[in-house]
Amino acid sequence: MLPIPVGKSYEREFGWIVFERETMRAAVNVERVRRGLPPVDISVIKKVEQIATGHSDYASKFALYAAELAVGDIEVEP
């Protein structure tokens, strides 16, 4: 598990989770830049992942929400 800074404390996450989020962020940002949209940071990816959490088809939902984010169908709060 990797220590991830959160505020002034640290939470621990498995390396594969960090890798999956970073990979999704990179893919989303490639499409966003191609469409003239500003890139998103990892906190936005975590938000769409959180929406997918708990669904029986989590992987599909996470991919769908990330795709919607990539094409600008989901609003990004500054």
PDB file of N, CA and C in Angstrom:
ATOM      1  N   MET A   1       0.841  -1.185   0.000  1.00  0.00           N
ATOM      2  CA  MET A   1       0.000   0.000   0.000  1.00  0.00           C
ATOM      3  C   MET A   1       0.881   1.240   0.000  1.00  0.00           C
ATOM      4  N   LEU A   2       0.433   2.252  -0.710  1.00  0.00           N
ATOM      5  CA  LEU A   2       1.164   3.502  -0.782  1.00  0.00           C
ATOM      6  C   LEU A   2       0.516   4.527   0.141  1.00  0.00           C
ATOM      7  N   PRO A   3       1.322   5.298   0.868  1.00  0.00           N
ATOM      8  CA  PRO A   3       0.720   6.379   1.654  1.00  0.00           C
ATOM      9  C   PRO A   3       0.348   7.536   0.738  1.00  0.00           C
ATOM     10  N   ILE A   4      -0.881   7.991   0.806  1.00  0.00           N
ATOM     11  CA  ILE A   4      -1.371   9.086  -0.018  1.00  0.00           C
ATOM     12  C   ILE A   4      -1.694  10.261   0.910  1.00  0.00           C
ATOM     13  N   PRO A   5      -1.062  11.434   0.694  1.00  0.00           N
ATOM     14  CA  PRO A   5      -1.370  12.564   1.570  1.00  0.00           C
ATOM     15  C   PRO A   5      -2.813  13.028   1.406  1.00  0.00           C
ATOM     16  N   VAL A   6      -3.492  13.220   2.517  1.00  0.00           N
ATOM     17  CA  VAL A   6      -4.857  13.728   2.530  1.00  0.00           C
ATOM     18  C   VAL A   6      -4.902  14.788   3.617  1.00  0.00           C
ATOM     19  N   GLY A   7      -4.938  16.058   3.187  1.00  0.00           N
ATOM     20  CA  GLY A   7      -4.865  17.126   4.168  1.00  0.00           C
ATOM     21  C   GLY A   7      -3.541  17.039   4.913  1.00  0.00           C
ATOM     22  N   LYS A   8      -3.606  16.984   6.226  1.00  0.00           N
ATOM     23  CA  LYS A   8      -2.397  16.879   7.034  1.00  0.00           C
ATOM     24  C   LYS A   8      -2.120  15.452   7.460  1.00  0.00           C
ATOM     25  N   SER A   9      -2.992  14.511   7.075  1.00  0.00           N
ATOM     26  CA  SER A   9      -2.791  13.124   7.449  1.00  0.00           C
ATOM     27  C   SER A   9      -2.513  12.296   6.190  1.00  0.00           C
ATOM     28  N   TYR A  10      -2.282  11.034   6.391  1.00  0.00           N
ATOM     29  CA  TYR A  10      -2.054  10.124   5.268  1.00  0.00           C
ATOM     30  C   TYR A  10      -3.060   8.988   5.351  1.00  0.00           C
ATOM     31  N   GLU A  11      -3.578   8.594   4.187  1.00  0.00           N
ATOM     32  CA  GLU A  11      -4.381   7.381   4.121  1.00  0.00           C
ATOM     33  C   GLU A  11      -3.607   6.414   3.243  1.00  0.00           C
ATOM     34  N   ARG A  12      -3.860   5.145   3.399  1.00  0.00           N
ATOM     35  CA  ARG A  12      -3.118   4.151   2.632  1.00  0.00           C
ATOM     36  C   ARG A  12      -4.018   3.575   1.545  1.00  0.00           C
ATOM     37  N   GLU A  13      -3.452   3.458   0.350  1.00  0.00           N
ATOM     38  CA  GLU A  13      -4.171   2.889  -0.778  1.00  0.00           C
ATOM     39  C   GLU A  13      -3.271   1.883  -1.471  1.00  0.00           C
ATOM     40  N   PHE A  14      -3.877   0.874  -2.032  1.00  0.00           N
ATOM     41  CA  PHE A  14      -3.123  -0.101  -2.806  1.00  0.00           C
ATOM     42  C   PHE A  14      -2.567   0.564  -4.059  1.00  0.00           C
ATOM     43  N   GLY A  15      -1.372   0.161  -4.445  1.00  0.00           N
ATOM     44  CA  GLY A  15      -0.728   0.725  -5.617  1.00  0.00           C
ATOM     45  C   GLY A  15      -1.536   0.568  -6.888  1.00  0.00           C
ATOM     46  N   TRP A  16      -2.239  -0.570  -7.036  1.00  0.00           N
ATOM     47  CA  TRP A  16      -3.014  -0.783  -8.255  1.00  0.00           C
ATOM     48  C   TRP A  16      -4.176   0.196  -8.357  1.00  0.00           C
ATOM     49  N   ILE A  17      -4.721   0.631  -7.208  1.00  0.00           N
ATOM     50  CA  ILE A  17      -5.818   1.610  -7.234  1.00  0.00           C
ATOM     51  C   ILE A  17      -5.286   2.949  -7.725  1.00  0.00           C
ATOM     52  N   VAL A  18      -4.142   3.343  -7.196  1.00  0.00           N
ATOM     53  CA  VAL A  18      -3.511   4.596  -7.621  1.00  0.00           C
ATOM     54  C   VAL A  18      -3.204   4.528  -9.112  1.00  0.00           C
ATOM     55  N   PHE A  19      -2.672   3.407  -9.571  1.00  0.00           N
ATOM     56  CA  PHE A  19      -2.344   3.218 -10.985  1.00  0.00           C
ATOM     57  C   PHE A  19      -3.599   3.321 -11.855  1.00  0.00           C
ATOM     58  N   GLU A  20      -4.676   2.661 -11.464  1.00  0.00           N
ATOM     59  CA  GLU A  20      -5.917   2.689 -12.248  1.00  0.00           C
ATOM     60  C   GLU A  20      -6.477   4.104 -12.346  1.00  0.00           C
ATOM     61  N   ARG A  21      -6.457   4.835 -11.250  1.00  0.00           N
ATOM     62  CA  ARG A  21      -6.962   6.215 -11.286  1.00  0.00           C
ATOM     63  C   ARG A  21      -6.099   7.090 -12.187  1.00  0.00           C
ATOM     64  N   GLU A  22      -4.791   6.963 -12.062  1.00  0.00           N
ATOM     65  CA  GLU A  22      -3.891   7.773 -12.889  1.00  0.00           C
ATOM     66  C   GLU A  22      -4.048   7.432 -14.367  1.00  0.00           C
ATOM     67  N   THR A  23      -4.239   6.161 -14.667  1.00  0.00           N
ATOM     68  CA  THR A  23      -4.449   5.745 -16.053  1.00  0.00           C
ATOM     69  C   THR A  23      -5.756   6.322 -16.586  1.00  0.00           C
ATOM     70  N   MET A  24      -6.807   6.289 -15.780  1.00  0.00           N
ATOM     71  CA  MET A  24      -8.093   6.846 -16.188  1.00  0.00           C
ATOM     72  C   MET A  24      -7.983   8.356 -16.366  1.00  0.00           C
ATOM     73  N   ARG A  25      -7.276   9.025 -15.454  1.00  0.00           N
ATOM     74  CA  ARG A  25      -7.088  10.483 -15.568  1.00  0.00           C
ATOM     75  C   ARG A  25      -6.386  10.819 -16.873  1.00  0.00           C
ATOM     76  N   ALA A  26      -5.335  10.088 -17.194  1.00  0.00           N
ATOM     77  CA  ALA A  26      -4.588  10.348 -18.427  1.00  0.00           C
ATOM     78  C   ALA A  26      -5.477  10.156 -19.656  1.00  0.00           C
ATOM     79  N   ALA A  27      -6.252   9.080 -19.675  1.00  0.00           N
ATOM     80  CA  ALA A  27      -7.129   8.809 -20.816  1.00  0.00           C
ATOM     81  C   ALA A  27      -8.214   9.884 -20.950  1.00  0.00           C
ATOM     82  N   VAL A  28      -8.807  10.262 -19.834  1.00  0.00           N
ATOM     83  CA  VAL A  28      -9.836  11.306 -19.843  1.00  0.00           C
ATOM     84  C   VAL A  28      -9.244  12.614 -20.359  1.00  0.00           C
ATOM     85  N   ASN A  29      -8.057  12.960 -19.895  1.00  0.00           N
ATOM     86  CA  ASN A  29      -7.458  14.237 -20.286  1.00  0.00           C
ATOM     87  C   ASN A  29      -7.018  14.273 -21.742  1.00  0.00           C
ATOM     88  N   VAL A  30      -6.623  13.147 -22.294  1.00  0.00           N
ATOM     89  CA  VAL A  30      -6.302  13.112 -23.731  1.00  0.00           C
ATOM     90  C   VAL A  30      -7.529  13.530 -24.535  1.00  0.00           C
ATOM     91  N   GLU A  31      -8.676  12.964 -24.204  1.00  0.00           N
ATOM     92  CA  GLU A  31      -9.901  13.291 -24.936  1.00  0.00           C
ATOM     93  C   GLU A  31     -10.366  14.714 -24.647  1.00  0.00           C
ATOM     94  N   ARG A  32     -10.252  15.148 -23.388  1.00  0.00           N
ATOM     95  CA  ARG A  32     -10.674  16.507 -23.045  1.00  0.00           C
ATOM     96  C   ARG A  32      -9.850  17.543 -23.801  1.00  0.00           C
ATOM     97  N   VAL A  33      -8.549  17.349 -23.859  1.00  0.00           N
ATOM     98  CA  VAL A  33      -7.681  18.290 -24.574  1.00  0.00           C
ATOM     99  C   VAL A  33      -8.009  18.261 -26.065  1.00  0.00           C
ATOM    100  N   ARG A  34      -8.257  17.076 -26.605  1.00  0.00           N
ATOM    101  CA  ARG A  34      -8.629  16.956 -28.012  1.00  0.00           C
ATOM    102  C   ARG A  34      -9.896  17.748 -28.320  1.00  0.00           C
ATOM    103  N   ARG A  35     -10.802  17.829 -27.361  1.00  0.00           N
ATOM    104  CA  ARG A  35     -12.064  18.541 -27.537  1.00  0.00           C
ATOM    105  C   ARG A  35     -11.992  20.003 -27.110  1.00  0.00           C
ATOM    106  N   GLY A  36     -10.820  20.451 -26.697  1.00  0.00           N
ATOM    107  CA  GLY A  36     -10.669  21.839 -26.280  1.00  0.00           C
ATOM    108  C   GLY A  36     -11.153  22.104 -24.867  1.00  0.00           C
ATOM    109  N   LEU A  37     -11.286  21.055 -24.066  1.00  0.00           N
ATOM    110  CA  LEU A  37     -11.709  21.196 -22.676  1.00  0.00           C
ATOM    111  C   LEU A  37     -10.481  21.188 -21.774  1.00  0.00           C
ATOM    112  N   PRO A  38     -10.559  21.829 -20.634  1.00  0.00           N
ATOM    113  CA  PRO A  38      -9.406  21.824 -19.729  1.00  0.00           C
ATOM    114  C   PRO A  38      -9.219  20.441 -19.100  1.00  0.00           C
ATOM    115  N   PRO A  39      -7.976  20.072 -18.821  1.00  0.00           N
ATOM    116  CA  PRO A  39      -7.734  18.781 -18.173  1.00  0.00           C
ATOM    117  C   PRO A  39      -8.275  18.776 -16.745  1.00  0.00           C
ATOM    118  N   VAL A  40      -8.500  17.588 -16.228  1.00  0.00           N
ATOM    119  CA  VAL A  40      -8.979  17.429 -14.850  1.00  0.00           C
ATOM    120  C   VAL A  40      -7.862  16.835 -14.001  1.00  0.00           C
ATOM    121  N   ASP A  41      -7.947  17.074 -12.705  1.00  0.00           N
ATOM    122  CA  ASP A  41      -6.957  16.471 -11.818  1.00  0.00           C
ATOM    123  C   ASP A  41      -7.534  15.210 -11.184  1.00  0.00           C
ATOM    124  N   ILE A  42      -6.725  14.555 -10.420  1.00  0.00           N
ATOM    125  CA  ILE A  42      -7.092  13.252  -9.858  1.00  0.00           C
ATOM    126  C   ILE A  42      -8.301  13.339  -8.928  1.00  0.00           C
ATOM    127  N   SER A  43      -8.517  14.479  -8.300  1.00  0.00           N
ATOM    128  CA  SER A  43      -9.667  14.605  -7.395  1.00  0.00           C
ATOM    129  C   SER A  43     -10.983  14.458  -8.153  1.00  0.00           C
ATOM    130  N   VAL A  44     -11.031  14.898  -9.396  1.00  0.00           N
ATOM    131  CA  VAL A  44     -12.245  14.761 -10.205  1.00  0.00           C
ATOM    132  C   VAL A  44     -12.466  13.296 -10.572  1.00  0.00           C
ATOM    133  N   ILE A  45     -11.387  12.596 -10.889  1.00  0.00           N
ATOM    134  CA  ILE A  45     -11.488  11.170 -11.183  1.00  0.00           C
ATOM    135  C   ILE A  45     -11.986  10.423  -9.948  1.00  0.00           C
ATOM    136  N   LYS A  46     -11.488  10.791  -8.783  1.00  0.00           N
ATOM    137  CA  LYS A  46     -11.948  10.159  -7.544  1.00  0.00           C
ATOM    138  C   LYS A  46     -13.435  10.395  -7.325  1.00  0.00           C
ATOM    139  N   LYS A  47     -13.927  11.586  -7.689  1.00  0.00           N
ATOM    140  CA  LYS A  47     -15.351  11.883  -7.521  1.00  0.00           C
ATOM    141  C   LYS A  47     -16.215  10.994  -8.409  1.00  0.00           C
ATOM    142  N   VAL A  48     -15.832  10.821  -9.684  1.00  0.00           N
ATOM    143  CA  VAL A  48     -16.650   9.967 -10.547  1.00  0.00           C
ATOM    144  C   VAL A  48     -16.510   8.501 -10.145  1.00  0.00           C
ATOM    145  N   GLU A  49     -15.349   8.133  -9.630  1.00  0.00           N
ATOM    146  CA  GLU A  49     -15.191   6.768  -9.132  1.00  0.00           C
ATOM    147  C   GLU A  49     -16.102   6.537  -7.925  1.00  0.00           C
ATOM    148  N   GLN A  50     -16.193   7.527  -7.061  1.00  0.00           N
ATOM    149  CA  GLN A  50     -17.044   7.419  -5.875  1.00  0.00           C
ATOM    150  C   GLN A  50     -18.505   7.225  -6.264  1.00  0.00           C
ATOM    151  N   ILE A  51     -18.943   7.879  -7.332  1.00  0.00           N
ATOM    152  CA  ILE A  51     -20.317   7.715  -7.810  1.00  0.00           C
ATOM    153  C   ILE A  51     -20.553   6.267  -8.244  1.00  0.00           C
ATOM    154  N   ALA A  52     -19.551   5.653  -8.847  1.00  0.00           N
ATOM    155  CA  ALA A  52     -19.671   4.275  -9.330  1.00  0.00           C
ATOM    156  C   ALA A  52     -19.600   3.250  -8.202  1.00  0.00           C
ATOM    157  N   THR A  53     -18.970   3.621  -7.114  1.00  0.00           N
ATOM    158  CA  THR A  53     -18.792   2.689  -5.995  1.00  0.00           C
ATOM    159  C   THR A  53     -20.144   2.216  -5.472  1.00  0.00           C
ATOM    160  N   GLY A  54     -20.239   0.914  -5.265  1.00  0.00           N
ATOM    161  CA  GLY A  54     -21.468   0.339  -4.739  1.00  0.00           C
ATOM    162  C   GLY A  54     -22.366  -0.256  -5.812  1.00  0.00           C
ATOM    163  N   HIS A  55     -22.154   0.127  -7.065  1.00  0.00           N
ATOM    164  CA  HIS A  55     -22.932  -0.471  -8.151  1.00  0.00           C
ATOM    165  C   HIS A  55     -22.438  -1.891  -8.398  1.00  0.00           C
ATOM    166  N   SER A  56     -23.341  -2.769  -8.729  1.00  0.00           N
ATOM    167  CA  SER A  56     -22.936  -4.149  -9.020  1.00  0.00           C
ATOM    168  C   SER A  56     -22.063  -4.207 -10.274  1.00  0.00           C
ATOM    169  N   ASP A  57     -22.227  -3.233 -11.138  1.00  0.00           N
ATOM    170  CA  ASP A  57     -21.400  -3.151 -12.348  1.00  0.00           C
ATOM    171  C   ASP A  57     -20.443  -1.956 -12.236  1.00  0.00           C
ATOM    172  N   TYR A  58     -19.749  -1.898 -11.103  1.00  0.00           N
ATOM    173  CA  TYR A  58     -18.834  -0.798 -10.782  1.00  0.00           C
ATOM    174  C   TYR A  58     -17.902  -0.459 -11.946  1.00  0.00           C
ATOM    175  N   ALA A  59     -17.236  -1.456 -12.515  1.00  0.00           N
ATOM    176  CA  ALA A  59     -16.250  -1.200 -13.577  1.00  0.00           C
ATOM    177  C   ALA A  59     -16.901  -0.518 -14.779  1.00  0.00           C
ATOM    178  N   SER A  60     -18.076  -0.979 -15.151  1.00  0.00           N
ATOM    179  CA  SER A  60     -18.789  -0.369 -16.282  1.00  0.00           C
ATOM    180  C   SER A  60     -19.222   1.053 -15.959  1.00  0.00           C
ATOM    181  N   LYS A  61     -19.720   1.252 -14.740  1.00  0.00           N
ATOM    182  CA  LYS A  61     -20.169   2.590 -14.337  1.00  0.00           C
ATOM    183  C   LYS A  61     -19.000   3.558 -14.277  1.00  0.00           C
ATOM    184  N   PHE A  62     -17.872   3.122 -13.710  1.00  0.00           N
ATOM    185  CA  PHE A  62     -16.699   3.990 -13.622  1.00  0.00           C
ATOM    186  C   PHE A  62     -16.252   4.388 -15.031  1.00  0.00           C
ATOM    187  N   ALA A  63     -16.201   3.425 -15.948  1.00  0.00           N
ATOM    188  CA  ALA A  63     -15.812   3.714 -17.331  1.00  0.00           C
ATOM    189  C   ALA A  63     -16.809   4.664 -17.995  1.00  0.00           C
ATOM    190  N   LEU A  64     -18.101   4.443 -17.771  1.00  0.00           N
ATOM    191  CA  LEU A  64     -19.129   5.303 -18.355  1.00  0.00           C
ATOM    192  C   LEU A  64     -19.009   6.733 -17.837  1.00  0.00           C
ATOM    193  N   TYR A  65     -18.877   6.886 -16.515  1.00  0.00           N
ATOM    194  CA  TYR A  65     -18.780   8.224 -15.942  1.00  0.00           C
ATOM    195  C   TYR A  65     -17.500   8.922 -16.386  1.00  0.00           C
ATOM    196  N   ALA A  66     -16.420   8.169 -16.523  1.00  0.00           N
ATOM    197  CA  ALA A  66     -15.172   8.754 -17.007  1.00  0.00           C
ATOM    198  C   ALA A  66     -15.322   9.202 -18.464  1.00  0.00           C
ATOM    199  N   ALA A  67     -16.017   8.401 -19.269  1.00  0.00           N
ATOM    200  CA  ALA A  67     -16.254   8.781 -20.668  1.00  0.00           C
ATOM    201  C   ALA A  67     -17.108  10.047 -20.743  1.00  0.00           C
ATOM    202  N   GLU A  68     -18.131  10.125 -19.900  1.00  0.00           N
ATOM    203  CA  GLU A  68     -18.962  11.333 -19.869  1.00  0.00           C
ATOM    204  C   GLU A  68     -18.139  12.543 -19.453  1.00  0.00           C
ATOM    205  N   LEU A  69     -17.239  12.347 -18.528  1.00  0.00           N
ATOM    206  CA  LEU A  69     -16.337  13.411 -18.097  1.00  0.00           C
ATOM    207  C   LEU A  69     -15.417  13.816 -19.249  1.00  0.00           C
ATOM    208  N   ALA A  70     -14.923  12.833 -19.984  1.00  0.00           N
ATOM    209  CA  ALA A  70     -13.987  13.096 -21.084  1.00  0.00           C
ATOM    210  C   ALA A  70     -14.613  13.930 -22.186  1.00  0.00           C
ATOM    211  N   VAL A  71     -15.883  13.700 -22.479  1.00  0.00           N
ATOM    212  CA  VAL A  71     -16.534  14.436 -23.582  1.00  0.00           C
ATOM    213  C   VAL A  71     -17.248  15.702 -23.093  1.00  0.00           C
ATOM    214  N   GLY A  72     -17.194  15.974 -21.805  1.00  0.00           N
ATOM    215  CA  GLY A  72     -17.773  17.196 -21.276  1.00  0.00           C
ATOM    216  C   GLY A  72     -19.220  17.097 -20.874  1.00  0.00           C
ATOM    217  N   ASP A  73     -19.763  15.866 -20.763  1.00  0.00           N
ATOM    218  CA  ASP A  73     -21.155  15.703 -20.354  1.00  0.00           C
ATOM    219  C   ASP A  73     -21.336  15.865 -18.847  1.00  0.00           C
ATOM    220  N   ILE A  74     -20.266  15.745 -18.093  1.00  0.00           N
ATOM    221  CA  ILE A  74     -20.305  15.953 -16.645  1.00  0.00           C
ATOM    222  C   ILE A  74     -19.607  17.276 -16.355  1.00  0.00           C
ATOM    223  N   GLU A  75     -20.270  18.137 -15.610  1.00  0.00           N
ATOM    224  CA  GLU A  75     -19.698  19.420 -15.247  1.00  0.00           C
ATOM    225  C   GLU A  75     -18.559  19.218 -14.253  1.00  0.00           C
ATOM    226  N   VAL A  76     -17.488  19.965 -14.446  1.00  0.00           N
ATOM    227  CA  VAL A  76     -16.346  19.923 -13.539  1.00  0.00           C
ATOM    228  C   VAL A  76     -16.365  21.183 -12.708  1.00  0.00           C
ATOM    229  N   GLU A  77     -16.468  20.994 -11.393  1.00  0.00           N
ATOM    230  CA  GLU A  77     -16.460  22.154 -10.494  1.00  0.00           C
ATOM    231  C   GLU A  77     -15.027  22.606 -10.282  1.00  0.00           C
ATOM    232  N   PRO A  78     -14.795  23.913 -10.343  1.00  0.00           N
ATOM    233  CA  PRO A  78     -13.424  24.424 -10.143  1.00  0.00           C
ATOM    234  C   PRO A  78     -12.919  24.204  -8.731  1.00  0.00           C
TER     235      PRO A  78
END
